[in-house]
N, C-alpha and C. Protein backbone atom coordinates (compact mmCIF):
# COMPACT_ATOMS: atom_id res chain seq x y z
N MET A 1 36.66 -37.18 20.33
CA MET A 1 36.35 -35.97 19.56
C MET A 1 35.57 -36.38 18.32
N LEU A 2 34.54 -35.53 17.96
CA LEU A 2 33.74 -35.83 16.79
C LEU A 2 34.56 -35.60 15.53
N PRO A 3 34.37 -36.45 14.50
CA PRO A 3 35.04 -36.21 13.22
C PRO A 3 34.66 -34.83 12.68
N HIS A 4 35.61 -34.19 12.02
CA HIS A 4 35.40 -32.84 11.52
C HIS A 4 34.20 -32.77 10.57
N ARG A 5 34.00 -33.83 9.76
CA ARG A 5 32.93 -33.79 8.77
C ARG A 5 31.54 -33.81 9.42
N LEU A 6 31.47 -34.19 10.70
CA LEU A 6 30.19 -34.25 11.38
C LEU A 6 29.82 -32.94 12.06
N LEU A 7 30.77 -32.04 12.19
CA LEU A 7 30.51 -30.82 12.95
C LEU A 7 29.39 -29.96 12.38
N PRO A 8 29.33 -29.72 11.06
CA PRO A 8 28.26 -28.86 10.56
C PRO A 8 26.87 -29.37 10.91
N SER A 9 26.61 -30.67 10.71
CA SER A 9 25.28 -31.19 11.00
C SER A 9 24.99 -31.14 12.50
N CYS A 10 26.00 -31.36 13.32
CA CYS A 10 25.81 -31.28 14.76
C CYS A 10 25.49 -29.85 15.18
N LEU A 11 26.19 -28.89 14.58
CA LEU A 11 25.94 -27.50 14.90
C LEU A 11 24.55 -27.07 14.45
N LEU A 12 24.12 -27.59 13.30
CA LEU A 12 22.78 -27.28 12.81
C LEU A 12 21.73 -27.80 13.78
N SER A 13 21.92 -29.03 14.25
CA SER A 13 20.97 -29.60 15.20
C SER A 13 20.92 -28.78 16.48
N LEU A 14 22.09 -28.33 16.94
CA LEU A 14 22.15 -27.52 18.15
C LEU A 14 21.44 -26.20 17.94
N THR A 15 21.66 -25.57 16.78
CA THR A 15 21.02 -24.29 16.47
C THR A 15 19.51 -24.43 16.45
N LEU A 16 19.03 -25.50 15.80
CA LEU A 16 17.60 -25.73 15.73
C LEU A 16 17.00 -25.97 17.11
N SER A 17 17.72 -26.74 17.94
CA SER A 17 17.20 -27.04 19.26
C SER A 17 17.12 -25.80 20.13
N LEU A 18 18.02 -24.84 19.88
CA LEU A 18 18.00 -23.59 20.64
C LEU A 18 16.97 -22.61 20.09
N SER A 19 16.80 -22.57 18.75
CA SER A 19 15.93 -21.58 18.14
C SER A 19 14.46 -21.92 18.29
N VAL A 20 14.11 -23.20 18.32
CA VAL A 20 12.70 -23.57 18.43
C VAL A 20 12.09 -23.09 19.75
N PRO A 21 12.71 -23.36 20.91
CA PRO A 21 12.16 -22.81 22.16
C PRO A 21 12.12 -21.28 22.14
N HIS A 22 13.13 -20.66 21.54
CA HIS A 22 13.21 -19.20 21.43
C HIS A 22 11.98 -18.68 20.68
N ALA A 23 11.66 -19.30 19.54
CA ALA A 23 10.53 -18.88 18.74
C ALA A 23 9.22 -19.14 19.47
N LEU A 24 9.13 -20.27 20.15
CA LEU A 24 7.92 -20.60 20.88
C LEU A 24 7.67 -19.61 22.01
N ALA A 25 8.73 -19.19 22.69
CA ALA A 25 8.61 -18.21 23.76
C ALA A 25 8.09 -16.88 23.21
N GLN A 26 8.65 -16.46 22.07
CA GLN A 26 8.20 -15.21 21.44
C GLN A 26 6.73 -15.30 21.05
N ASP A 27 6.33 -16.41 20.43
CA ASP A 27 4.94 -16.58 20.01
C ASP A 27 4.00 -16.55 21.21
N SER A 28 4.41 -17.19 22.29
CA SER A 28 3.58 -17.23 23.49
C SER A 28 3.39 -15.84 24.08
N GLU A 29 4.48 -15.08 24.16
CA GLU A 29 4.40 -13.73 24.72
C GLU A 29 3.56 -12.81 23.83
N LEU A 30 3.75 -12.94 22.50
CA LEU A 30 2.97 -12.12 21.59
C LEU A 30 1.49 -12.47 21.62
N PHE A 31 1.20 -13.75 21.74
CA PHE A 31 -0.19 -14.21 21.80
C PHE A 31 -0.91 -13.56 22.99
N ALA A 32 -0.25 -13.52 24.12
CA ALA A 32 -0.84 -12.91 25.32
C ALA A 32 -1.05 -11.41 25.11
N ILE A 33 -0.08 -10.75 24.48
CA ILE A 33 -0.18 -9.31 24.24
C ILE A 33 -1.30 -9.00 23.25
N LYS A 34 -1.41 -9.81 22.19
CA LYS A 34 -2.48 -9.60 21.21
C LYS A 34 -3.85 -9.72 21.87
N ASN A 35 -4.00 -10.71 22.74
CA ASN A 35 -5.28 -10.90 23.41
C ASN A 35 -5.62 -9.71 24.31
N ARG A 36 -4.60 -9.19 24.99
CA ARG A 36 -4.84 -8.04 25.85
C ARG A 36 -5.18 -6.79 25.04
N TRP A 37 -4.48 -6.61 23.91
CA TRP A 37 -4.80 -5.48 23.03
C TRP A 37 -6.25 -5.58 22.55
N GLU A 38 -6.64 -6.77 22.12
CA GLU A 38 -8.01 -6.99 21.65
C GLU A 38 -9.02 -6.65 22.76
N ASN A 39 -8.71 -7.08 23.98
CA ASN A 39 -9.60 -6.83 25.10
C ASN A 39 -9.70 -5.33 25.43
N ILE A 40 -8.54 -4.66 25.43
CA ILE A 40 -8.53 -3.21 25.71
C ILE A 40 -9.33 -2.47 24.65
N THR A 41 -9.11 -2.84 23.38
CA THR A 41 -9.74 -2.13 22.26
C THR A 41 -11.25 -2.31 22.23
N THR A 42 -11.70 -3.50 22.56
CA THR A 42 -13.12 -3.81 22.36
C THR A 42 -13.98 -3.74 23.61
N THR A 43 -13.38 -3.78 24.80
CA THR A 43 -14.21 -3.84 26.01
C THR A 43 -13.94 -2.73 27.02
N MET A 44 -12.78 -2.08 26.94
CA MET A 44 -12.41 -1.10 27.97
C MET A 44 -12.96 0.28 27.63
N ARG A 45 -13.35 1.03 28.65
CA ARG A 45 -13.80 2.40 28.46
C ARG A 45 -12.69 3.24 27.83
N GLU A 46 -13.08 4.18 26.98
CA GLU A 46 -12.10 4.99 26.26
C GLU A 46 -11.19 5.75 27.21
N ASP A 47 -11.72 6.24 28.33
CA ASP A 47 -10.90 7.05 29.24
C ASP A 47 -9.86 6.22 29.99
N ALA A 48 -9.96 4.89 29.91
CA ALA A 48 -8.99 4.02 30.57
C ALA A 48 -8.01 3.39 29.57
N GLN A 49 -8.29 3.56 28.28
CA GLN A 49 -7.49 2.86 27.28
C GLN A 49 -6.06 3.39 27.16
N ALA A 50 -5.87 4.70 27.29
CA ALA A 50 -4.54 5.28 27.08
C ALA A 50 -3.52 4.69 28.05
N LYS A 51 -3.87 4.63 29.33
CA LYS A 51 -2.95 4.09 30.33
C LYS A 51 -2.66 2.61 30.05
N ALA A 52 -3.69 1.84 29.72
CA ALA A 52 -3.51 0.41 29.45
C ALA A 52 -2.64 0.20 28.22
N MET A 53 -2.84 0.99 27.18
CA MET A 53 -2.06 0.85 25.95
C MET A 53 -0.60 1.24 26.18
N LYS A 54 -0.36 2.27 26.97
CA LYS A 54 1.03 2.68 27.25
C LYS A 54 1.75 1.58 28.02
N SER A 55 1.05 0.95 28.95
CA SER A 55 1.65 -0.15 29.70
C SER A 55 1.98 -1.31 28.77
N LEU A 56 1.08 -1.61 27.85
CA LEU A 56 1.31 -2.69 26.89
C LEU A 56 2.47 -2.35 25.96
N ALA A 57 2.56 -1.08 25.56
CA ALA A 57 3.67 -0.65 24.71
C ALA A 57 5.01 -0.84 25.42
N GLY A 58 5.04 -0.57 26.74
CA GLY A 58 6.27 -0.78 27.50
C GLY A 58 6.71 -2.24 27.49
N GLU A 59 5.74 -3.14 27.60
CA GLU A 59 6.06 -4.57 27.54
C GLU A 59 6.60 -4.95 26.17
N LEU A 60 6.02 -4.38 25.14
CA LEU A 60 6.48 -4.69 23.78
C LEU A 60 7.86 -4.11 23.50
N GLU A 61 8.18 -2.97 24.09
CA GLU A 61 9.54 -2.43 23.94
C GLU A 61 10.56 -3.39 24.52
N THR A 62 10.23 -3.98 25.66
CA THR A 62 11.10 -4.99 26.26
C THR A 62 11.22 -6.20 25.35
N LEU A 63 10.11 -6.60 24.76
CA LEU A 63 10.10 -7.75 23.85
C LEU A 63 10.91 -7.45 22.59
N ALA A 64 10.81 -6.22 22.09
CA ALA A 64 11.57 -5.84 20.90
C ALA A 64 13.08 -5.84 21.17
N ALA A 65 13.47 -5.48 22.39
CA ALA A 65 14.89 -5.54 22.75
C ALA A 65 15.38 -6.98 22.80
N ARG A 66 14.47 -7.88 23.17
CA ARG A 66 14.83 -9.29 23.26
C ARG A 66 14.83 -9.97 21.89
N TYR A 67 13.94 -9.51 21.01
CA TYR A 67 13.82 -10.09 19.67
C TYR A 67 13.98 -8.98 18.62
N PRO A 68 15.18 -8.45 18.45
CA PRO A 68 15.38 -7.28 17.59
C PRO A 68 15.20 -7.54 16.10
N ASP A 69 15.10 -8.81 15.71
CA ASP A 69 14.94 -9.15 14.30
C ASP A 69 13.55 -9.70 13.99
N SER A 70 12.60 -9.49 14.88
CA SER A 70 11.26 -10.00 14.68
C SER A 70 10.35 -8.92 14.09
N ALA A 71 9.94 -9.11 12.85
CA ALA A 71 9.02 -8.16 12.21
C ALA A 71 7.69 -8.12 12.94
N GLU A 72 7.22 -9.26 13.41
CA GLU A 72 5.92 -9.30 14.08
C GLU A 72 5.94 -8.53 15.39
N VAL A 73 7.03 -8.64 16.13
CA VAL A 73 7.13 -7.89 17.39
C VAL A 73 7.09 -6.38 17.10
N PHE A 74 7.84 -5.94 16.10
CA PHE A 74 7.86 -4.51 15.79
C PHE A 74 6.53 -4.04 15.19
N THR A 75 5.86 -4.92 14.44
CA THR A 75 4.53 -4.57 13.95
C THR A 75 3.59 -4.32 15.10
N TRP A 76 3.62 -5.22 16.08
CA TRP A 76 2.72 -5.08 17.22
C TRP A 76 3.11 -3.92 18.12
N LEU A 77 4.40 -3.64 18.20
CA LEU A 77 4.83 -2.46 18.96
C LEU A 77 4.25 -1.21 18.31
N GLY A 78 4.33 -1.13 16.98
CA GLY A 78 3.77 0.02 16.28
C GLY A 78 2.26 0.12 16.42
N ILE A 79 1.57 -1.02 16.33
CA ILE A 79 0.12 -1.03 16.48
C ILE A 79 -0.29 -0.52 17.86
N VAL A 80 0.39 -1.01 18.89
CA VAL A 80 0.04 -0.61 20.25
C VAL A 80 0.39 0.85 20.50
N GLN A 81 1.53 1.30 19.99
CA GLN A 81 1.89 2.71 20.13
C GLN A 81 0.88 3.61 19.42
N ALA A 82 0.43 3.18 18.24
CA ALA A 82 -0.58 3.95 17.52
C ALA A 82 -1.91 3.95 18.27
N SER A 83 -2.25 2.81 18.86
CA SER A 83 -3.48 2.72 19.66
C SER A 83 -3.40 3.62 20.88
N ALA A 84 -2.22 3.66 21.52
CA ALA A 84 -2.02 4.54 22.67
C ALA A 84 -2.16 6.00 22.27
N ALA A 85 -1.62 6.34 21.09
CA ALA A 85 -1.73 7.72 20.61
C ALA A 85 -3.17 8.10 20.35
N ARG A 86 -3.93 7.19 19.74
CA ARG A 86 -5.34 7.47 19.47
C ARG A 86 -6.12 7.67 20.77
N ALA A 87 -5.82 6.84 21.77
CA ALA A 87 -6.50 6.96 23.06
C ALA A 87 -6.08 8.24 23.80
N GLU A 88 -4.82 8.61 23.65
CA GLU A 88 -4.30 9.81 24.32
C GLU A 88 -4.91 11.07 23.72
N GLY A 89 -4.85 11.17 22.38
CA GLY A 89 -5.41 12.32 21.69
C GLY A 89 -4.61 13.59 21.90
N GLY A 90 -4.90 14.60 21.10
CA GLY A 90 -4.28 15.91 21.26
C GLY A 90 -2.79 15.93 20.96
N MET A 91 -2.14 17.01 21.37
CA MET A 91 -0.72 17.18 21.10
C MET A 91 0.13 16.15 21.84
N GLY A 92 -0.39 15.62 22.95
CA GLY A 92 0.37 14.63 23.71
C GLY A 92 0.57 13.33 22.97
N ALA A 93 -0.20 13.14 21.90
CA ALA A 93 -0.09 11.89 21.13
C ALA A 93 1.02 11.94 20.08
N LEU A 94 1.58 13.13 19.81
CA LEU A 94 2.53 13.25 18.70
C LEU A 94 3.79 12.40 18.89
N SER A 95 4.32 12.38 20.10
CA SER A 95 5.53 11.58 20.32
C SER A 95 5.22 10.10 20.14
N LEU A 96 4.03 9.68 20.53
CA LEU A 96 3.64 8.28 20.37
C LEU A 96 3.49 7.90 18.91
N VAL A 97 2.91 8.78 18.09
CA VAL A 97 2.74 8.43 16.68
C VAL A 97 4.09 8.39 15.96
N LYS A 98 5.02 9.22 16.39
CA LYS A 98 6.36 9.17 15.79
C LYS A 98 7.07 7.87 16.17
N GLN A 99 6.88 7.43 17.41
CA GLN A 99 7.44 6.14 17.83
C GLN A 99 6.79 5.01 17.04
N ALA A 100 5.47 5.11 16.85
CA ALA A 100 4.75 4.08 16.09
C ALA A 100 5.26 4.01 14.66
N ARG A 101 5.47 5.15 14.04
CA ARG A 101 5.98 5.15 12.66
C ARG A 101 7.34 4.46 12.59
N ALA A 102 8.23 4.77 13.53
CA ALA A 102 9.57 4.16 13.52
C ALA A 102 9.48 2.65 13.71
N SER A 103 8.60 2.19 14.59
CA SER A 103 8.45 0.76 14.84
C SER A 103 7.92 0.05 13.60
N LEU A 104 6.92 0.65 12.95
CA LEU A 104 6.30 0.03 11.78
C LEU A 104 7.26 0.02 10.59
N GLU A 105 8.04 1.08 10.44
CA GLU A 105 9.04 1.10 9.37
C GLU A 105 10.10 0.02 9.59
N ARG A 106 10.46 -0.20 10.85
CA ARG A 106 11.41 -1.26 11.17
C ARG A 106 10.80 -2.63 10.84
N ALA A 107 9.52 -2.81 11.13
CA ALA A 107 8.86 -4.08 10.82
C ALA A 107 8.86 -4.34 9.32
N ILE A 108 8.57 -3.32 8.53
CA ILE A 108 8.54 -3.47 7.07
C ILE A 108 9.94 -3.74 6.54
N GLU A 109 10.93 -3.10 7.13
CA GLU A 109 12.33 -3.35 6.74
C GLU A 109 12.70 -4.82 6.97
N LEU A 110 12.22 -5.39 8.07
CA LEU A 110 12.53 -6.78 8.41
C LEU A 110 11.75 -7.76 7.53
N ASP A 111 10.47 -7.44 7.26
CA ASP A 111 9.63 -8.34 6.45
C ASP A 111 8.44 -7.55 5.91
N PRO A 112 8.51 -7.10 4.64
CA PRO A 112 7.44 -6.26 4.08
C PRO A 112 6.06 -6.92 4.11
N ARG A 113 6.01 -8.24 4.04
CA ARG A 113 4.72 -8.94 4.00
C ARG A 113 4.35 -9.54 5.36
N GLY A 114 5.13 -9.22 6.38
CA GLY A 114 4.91 -9.82 7.68
C GLY A 114 3.61 -9.40 8.33
N SER A 115 3.09 -10.28 9.19
CA SER A 115 1.83 -10.03 9.91
C SER A 115 0.70 -9.64 8.97
N ASN A 116 0.69 -10.27 7.78
CA ASN A 116 -0.36 -10.00 6.79
C ASN A 116 -0.46 -8.52 6.45
N ALA A 117 0.70 -7.87 6.36
CA ALA A 117 0.79 -6.45 5.95
C ALA A 117 0.14 -5.50 6.94
N SER A 118 0.00 -5.91 8.20
CA SER A 118 -0.61 -5.04 9.20
C SER A 118 0.20 -3.77 9.43
N ALA A 119 1.52 -3.84 9.23
CA ALA A 119 2.34 -2.64 9.40
C ALA A 119 1.97 -1.59 8.35
N TYR A 120 1.73 -2.02 7.11
CA TYR A 120 1.32 -1.08 6.07
C TYR A 120 -0.03 -0.44 6.39
N VAL A 121 -0.98 -1.25 6.89
CA VAL A 121 -2.31 -0.72 7.21
C VAL A 121 -2.21 0.37 8.28
N THR A 122 -1.46 0.07 9.35
CA THR A 122 -1.36 1.02 10.45
C THR A 122 -0.60 2.27 10.03
N LEU A 123 0.45 2.10 9.24
CA LEU A 123 1.17 3.27 8.73
C LEU A 123 0.27 4.13 7.84
N GLY A 124 -0.53 3.48 7.00
CA GLY A 124 -1.45 4.23 6.16
C GLY A 124 -2.41 5.07 6.98
N ALA A 125 -2.96 4.48 8.04
CA ALA A 125 -3.88 5.21 8.91
C ALA A 125 -3.17 6.38 9.60
N LEU A 126 -1.90 6.17 9.99
CA LEU A 126 -1.14 7.26 10.63
C LEU A 126 -0.90 8.40 9.65
N TYR A 127 -0.43 8.09 8.45
CA TYR A 127 -0.18 9.14 7.46
C TYR A 127 -1.47 9.87 7.09
N ASP A 128 -2.61 9.17 7.18
CA ASP A 128 -3.89 9.79 6.88
C ASP A 128 -4.34 10.74 7.98
N LYS A 129 -4.19 10.34 9.24
CA LYS A 129 -4.81 11.07 10.35
C LYS A 129 -3.88 12.03 11.08
N VAL A 130 -2.57 11.78 11.04
CA VAL A 130 -1.63 12.67 11.74
C VAL A 130 -1.56 14.01 11.00
N PRO A 131 -1.52 15.13 11.71
CA PRO A 131 -1.38 16.43 11.03
C PRO A 131 -0.11 16.48 10.18
N GLY A 132 -0.16 17.28 9.13
CA GLY A 132 1.00 17.42 8.26
C GLY A 132 2.05 18.35 8.84
N TRP A 133 3.11 18.55 8.07
CA TRP A 133 4.20 19.44 8.47
C TRP A 133 3.64 20.85 8.66
N PRO A 134 4.10 21.62 9.69
CA PRO A 134 5.25 21.37 10.55
C PRO A 134 4.90 20.66 11.87
N ILE A 135 3.63 20.36 12.08
CA ILE A 135 3.25 19.75 13.35
C ILE A 135 3.60 18.27 13.37
N GLY A 136 3.21 17.56 12.32
CA GLY A 136 3.41 16.11 12.27
C GLY A 136 3.95 15.67 10.91
N PHE A 137 3.68 14.41 10.56
CA PHE A 137 4.22 13.86 9.31
C PHE A 137 3.12 13.39 8.36
N GLY A 138 1.87 13.81 8.61
CA GLY A 138 0.77 13.40 7.76
C GLY A 138 1.02 13.69 6.30
N ASP A 139 0.61 12.75 5.43
CA ASP A 139 0.90 12.88 4.00
C ASP A 139 -0.08 11.97 3.25
N SER A 140 -0.99 12.56 2.49
CA SER A 140 -2.02 11.75 1.82
C SER A 140 -1.44 10.83 0.76
N ASP A 141 -0.40 11.26 0.06
CA ASP A 141 0.21 10.40 -0.96
C ASP A 141 0.85 9.16 -0.31
N LYS A 142 1.53 9.37 0.81
CA LYS A 142 2.15 8.24 1.50
C LYS A 142 1.07 7.33 2.11
N ALA A 143 0.00 7.93 2.60
CA ALA A 143 -1.09 7.13 3.15
C ALA A 143 -1.64 6.20 2.09
N GLU A 144 -1.91 6.73 0.92
CA GLU A 144 -2.47 5.89 -0.15
C GLU A 144 -1.48 4.81 -0.58
N SER A 145 -0.20 5.16 -0.63
CA SER A 145 0.81 4.16 -0.99
C SER A 145 0.84 3.01 0.01
N MET A 146 0.73 3.32 1.30
CA MET A 146 0.72 2.27 2.32
C MET A 146 -0.51 1.37 2.18
N PHE A 147 -1.68 1.98 1.97
CA PHE A 147 -2.89 1.19 1.81
C PHE A 147 -2.81 0.29 0.58
N ARG A 148 -2.26 0.81 -0.50
CA ARG A 148 -2.13 0.02 -1.72
C ARG A 148 -1.19 -1.17 -1.50
N GLN A 149 -0.12 -0.93 -0.77
CA GLN A 149 0.82 -2.02 -0.46
C GLN A 149 0.10 -3.11 0.34
N ALA A 150 -0.69 -2.69 1.32
CA ALA A 150 -1.42 -3.66 2.14
C ALA A 150 -2.43 -4.44 1.31
N LEU A 151 -3.14 -3.75 0.41
CA LEU A 151 -4.13 -4.41 -0.43
C LEU A 151 -3.49 -5.43 -1.36
N SER A 152 -2.25 -5.18 -1.77
CA SER A 152 -1.57 -6.14 -2.65
C SER A 152 -1.27 -7.44 -1.93
N VAL A 153 -1.15 -7.38 -0.61
CA VAL A 153 -0.88 -8.57 0.20
C VAL A 153 -2.18 -9.23 0.66
N ARG A 154 -3.16 -8.40 1.08
CA ARG A 154 -4.39 -8.94 1.69
C ARG A 154 -5.59 -8.15 1.18
N PRO A 155 -5.99 -8.39 -0.08
CA PRO A 155 -7.06 -7.59 -0.68
C PRO A 155 -8.42 -7.78 -0.03
N GLU A 156 -8.61 -8.89 0.69
CA GLU A 156 -9.91 -9.16 1.30
C GLU A 156 -9.99 -8.69 2.75
N GLY A 157 -8.95 -8.06 3.26
CA GLY A 157 -8.90 -7.69 4.67
C GLY A 157 -9.95 -6.66 5.06
N ILE A 158 -10.62 -6.89 6.16
CA ILE A 158 -11.61 -5.93 6.65
C ILE A 158 -10.93 -4.63 7.03
N ASP A 159 -9.82 -4.72 7.76
CA ASP A 159 -9.16 -3.52 8.27
C ASP A 159 -8.62 -2.64 7.15
N VAL A 160 -7.88 -3.24 6.21
CA VAL A 160 -7.27 -2.42 5.17
C VAL A 160 -8.33 -1.78 4.29
N ASN A 161 -9.40 -2.51 3.96
CA ASN A 161 -10.45 -1.93 3.13
C ASN A 161 -11.22 -0.85 3.87
N TYR A 162 -11.45 -1.05 5.17
CA TYR A 162 -12.16 -0.02 5.93
C TYR A 162 -11.33 1.26 6.03
N TYR A 163 -10.08 1.13 6.46
CA TYR A 163 -9.26 2.34 6.65
C TYR A 163 -8.97 3.04 5.32
N TYR A 164 -8.85 2.26 4.26
CA TYR A 164 -8.66 2.87 2.94
C TYR A 164 -9.93 3.59 2.52
N ALA A 165 -11.10 3.00 2.83
CA ALA A 165 -12.36 3.66 2.51
C ALA A 165 -12.50 4.99 3.25
N VAL A 166 -12.10 5.01 4.53
CA VAL A 166 -12.15 6.25 5.30
C VAL A 166 -11.24 7.30 4.67
N PHE A 167 -10.04 6.89 4.28
CA PHE A 167 -9.10 7.80 3.62
C PHE A 167 -9.71 8.36 2.34
N LEU A 168 -10.28 7.48 1.52
CA LEU A 168 -10.85 7.91 0.24
C LEU A 168 -12.03 8.86 0.46
N ALA A 169 -12.84 8.59 1.47
CA ALA A 169 -13.96 9.48 1.77
C ALA A 169 -13.46 10.86 2.18
N ASP A 170 -12.40 10.88 3.01
CA ASP A 170 -11.81 12.16 3.42
C ASP A 170 -11.26 12.94 2.23
N GLU A 171 -10.81 12.20 1.21
CA GLU A 171 -10.25 12.83 0.02
C GLU A 171 -11.34 13.24 -0.98
N GLY A 172 -12.58 12.95 -0.65
CA GLY A 172 -13.67 13.30 -1.55
C GLY A 172 -13.90 12.32 -2.68
N ARG A 173 -13.29 11.13 -2.59
CA ARG A 173 -13.42 10.11 -3.62
C ARG A 173 -14.47 9.08 -3.17
N GLU A 174 -15.72 9.52 -3.19
CA GLU A 174 -16.78 8.76 -2.54
C GLU A 174 -17.09 7.44 -3.23
N ALA A 175 -17.04 7.40 -4.56
CA ALA A 175 -17.35 6.15 -5.27
C ALA A 175 -16.33 5.07 -4.91
N GLU A 176 -15.05 5.45 -4.88
CA GLU A 176 -14.01 4.49 -4.50
C GLU A 176 -14.16 4.10 -3.03
N ALA A 177 -14.51 5.07 -2.20
CA ALA A 177 -14.70 4.79 -0.78
C ALA A 177 -15.80 3.77 -0.57
N LEU A 178 -16.90 3.91 -1.30
CA LEU A 178 -17.99 2.96 -1.20
C LEU A 178 -17.56 1.55 -1.59
N THR A 179 -16.76 1.47 -2.65
CA THR A 179 -16.28 0.15 -3.10
C THR A 179 -15.51 -0.55 -2.00
N HIS A 180 -14.60 0.16 -1.37
CA HIS A 180 -13.76 -0.48 -0.34
C HIS A 180 -14.52 -0.68 0.97
N ALA A 181 -15.45 0.19 1.29
CA ALA A 181 -16.27 -0.03 2.49
C ALA A 181 -17.10 -1.30 2.32
N ARG A 182 -17.64 -1.53 1.13
CA ARG A 182 -18.41 -2.76 0.87
C ARG A 182 -17.51 -3.99 0.92
N ARG A 183 -16.30 -3.84 0.44
CA ARG A 183 -15.34 -4.96 0.55
C ARG A 183 -15.03 -5.26 2.01
N ALA A 184 -14.95 -4.22 2.84
CA ALA A 184 -14.71 -4.43 4.27
C ALA A 184 -15.87 -5.20 4.89
N ILE A 185 -17.10 -4.86 4.50
CA ILE A 185 -18.27 -5.56 5.03
C ILE A 185 -18.23 -7.04 4.68
N ASP A 186 -17.77 -7.34 3.47
CA ASP A 186 -17.71 -8.73 3.00
C ASP A 186 -16.38 -9.41 3.32
N GLY A 187 -15.50 -8.72 4.02
CA GLY A 187 -14.13 -9.21 4.22
C GLY A 187 -14.01 -10.34 5.21
N THR A 188 -12.78 -10.83 5.32
CA THR A 188 -12.46 -11.98 6.17
C THR A 188 -11.79 -11.51 7.46
N PRO A 189 -12.38 -11.83 8.63
CA PRO A 189 -11.72 -11.44 9.89
C PRO A 189 -10.39 -12.17 10.07
N ARG A 190 -9.47 -11.51 10.73
CA ARG A 190 -8.17 -12.12 11.01
C ARG A 190 -8.27 -13.01 12.24
N GLN A 191 -7.57 -14.11 12.19
CA GLN A 191 -7.55 -15.02 13.33
C GLN A 191 -6.96 -14.31 14.55
N GLY A 192 -7.66 -14.38 15.66
CA GLY A 192 -7.21 -13.74 16.88
C GLY A 192 -7.62 -12.29 17.00
N ARG A 193 -8.19 -11.73 15.94
CA ARG A 193 -8.62 -10.33 15.98
C ARG A 193 -10.06 -10.20 15.49
N GLU A 194 -10.81 -11.25 15.74
CA GLU A 194 -12.19 -11.30 15.25
C GLU A 194 -13.05 -10.18 15.84
N ALA A 195 -12.90 -9.92 17.14
CA ALA A 195 -13.76 -8.91 17.78
C ALA A 195 -13.50 -7.52 17.21
N SER A 196 -12.24 -7.14 17.09
CA SER A 196 -11.93 -5.81 16.56
C SER A 196 -12.31 -5.71 15.09
N ASP A 197 -12.14 -6.79 14.32
CA ASP A 197 -12.53 -6.76 12.92
C ASP A 197 -14.05 -6.66 12.76
N GLU A 198 -14.79 -7.29 13.66
CA GLU A 198 -16.25 -7.17 13.59
C GLU A 198 -16.69 -5.74 13.89
N GLU A 199 -15.98 -5.07 14.80
CA GLU A 199 -16.27 -3.66 15.05
C GLU A 199 -16.01 -2.82 13.80
N LEU A 200 -14.90 -3.12 13.10
CA LEU A 200 -14.61 -2.40 11.87
C LEU A 200 -15.65 -2.69 10.79
N ARG A 201 -16.16 -3.92 10.76
CA ARG A 201 -17.21 -4.26 9.80
C ARG A 201 -18.45 -3.37 10.04
N GLU A 202 -18.78 -3.19 11.33
CA GLU A 202 -19.93 -2.35 11.66
C GLU A 202 -19.66 -0.89 11.28
N GLU A 203 -18.41 -0.45 11.49
CA GLU A 203 -18.05 0.91 11.08
C GLU A 203 -18.15 1.06 9.57
N ALA A 204 -17.78 0.01 8.84
CA ALA A 204 -17.88 0.04 7.38
C ALA A 204 -19.33 0.14 6.94
N LYS A 205 -20.23 -0.56 7.64
CA LYS A 205 -21.66 -0.47 7.33
C LYS A 205 -22.18 0.95 7.54
N ALA A 206 -21.72 1.57 8.62
CA ALA A 206 -22.13 2.94 8.89
C ALA A 206 -21.60 3.90 7.82
N LEU A 207 -20.38 3.64 7.34
CA LEU A 207 -19.79 4.46 6.29
C LEU A 207 -20.56 4.32 4.98
N VAL A 208 -20.96 3.10 4.65
CA VAL A 208 -21.76 2.86 3.45
C VAL A 208 -23.09 3.61 3.54
N ALA A 209 -23.73 3.54 4.71
CA ALA A 209 -25.01 4.23 4.90
C ALA A 209 -24.83 5.75 4.74
N LYS A 210 -23.72 6.27 5.24
CA LYS A 210 -23.44 7.69 5.17
C LYS A 210 -23.17 8.14 3.71
N LEU A 211 -22.38 7.33 2.99
CA LEU A 211 -21.99 7.70 1.64
C LEU A 211 -23.07 7.38 0.61
N GLY A 212 -23.87 6.35 0.94
CA GLY A 212 -24.88 5.92 -0.03
C GLY A 212 -26.09 6.83 -0.05
């Protein structure tokens, strides 16, 4: 029998040996999902995206059940659910955006700065674009709060500056919108999301041309 004083270090070694493969498995599964999301978003026809995104969301729900304390998994579940809602459109998207909000709020609860604040960016876009009460939960004050939170974590992000610029333009704050659209043009693409960020950069250029 091992001496009692050795048990804590032995248990720590066992915990580490079990958790490392666990984390690697999660990273591997998420990496594959991120690549598929990127491919669906940037290369697939719009009329085919809704079905593909819903299928991907189902896989992420399974992953979230397996890793209930992973902020990154819940962030990506929310991103994919929001993407599915955008592709679906109309009233049929409302249940998806509500699911996306719940997933993203869970991600922020687990780690407010996780995934480079992507949960805040996506929540901001949802609060900006979803209809307000009584149909949905859209709220311009909450949208701006989410974008500000994201900017505090990743001020150079293409996505957060672009979506914040769109929000500001919708609010009639064109000078501020121009500032953030230009920051999006000069921003830094995220690793693994270069294609979608380059699309947003082009959208930011179009927004600058429109506002300028």
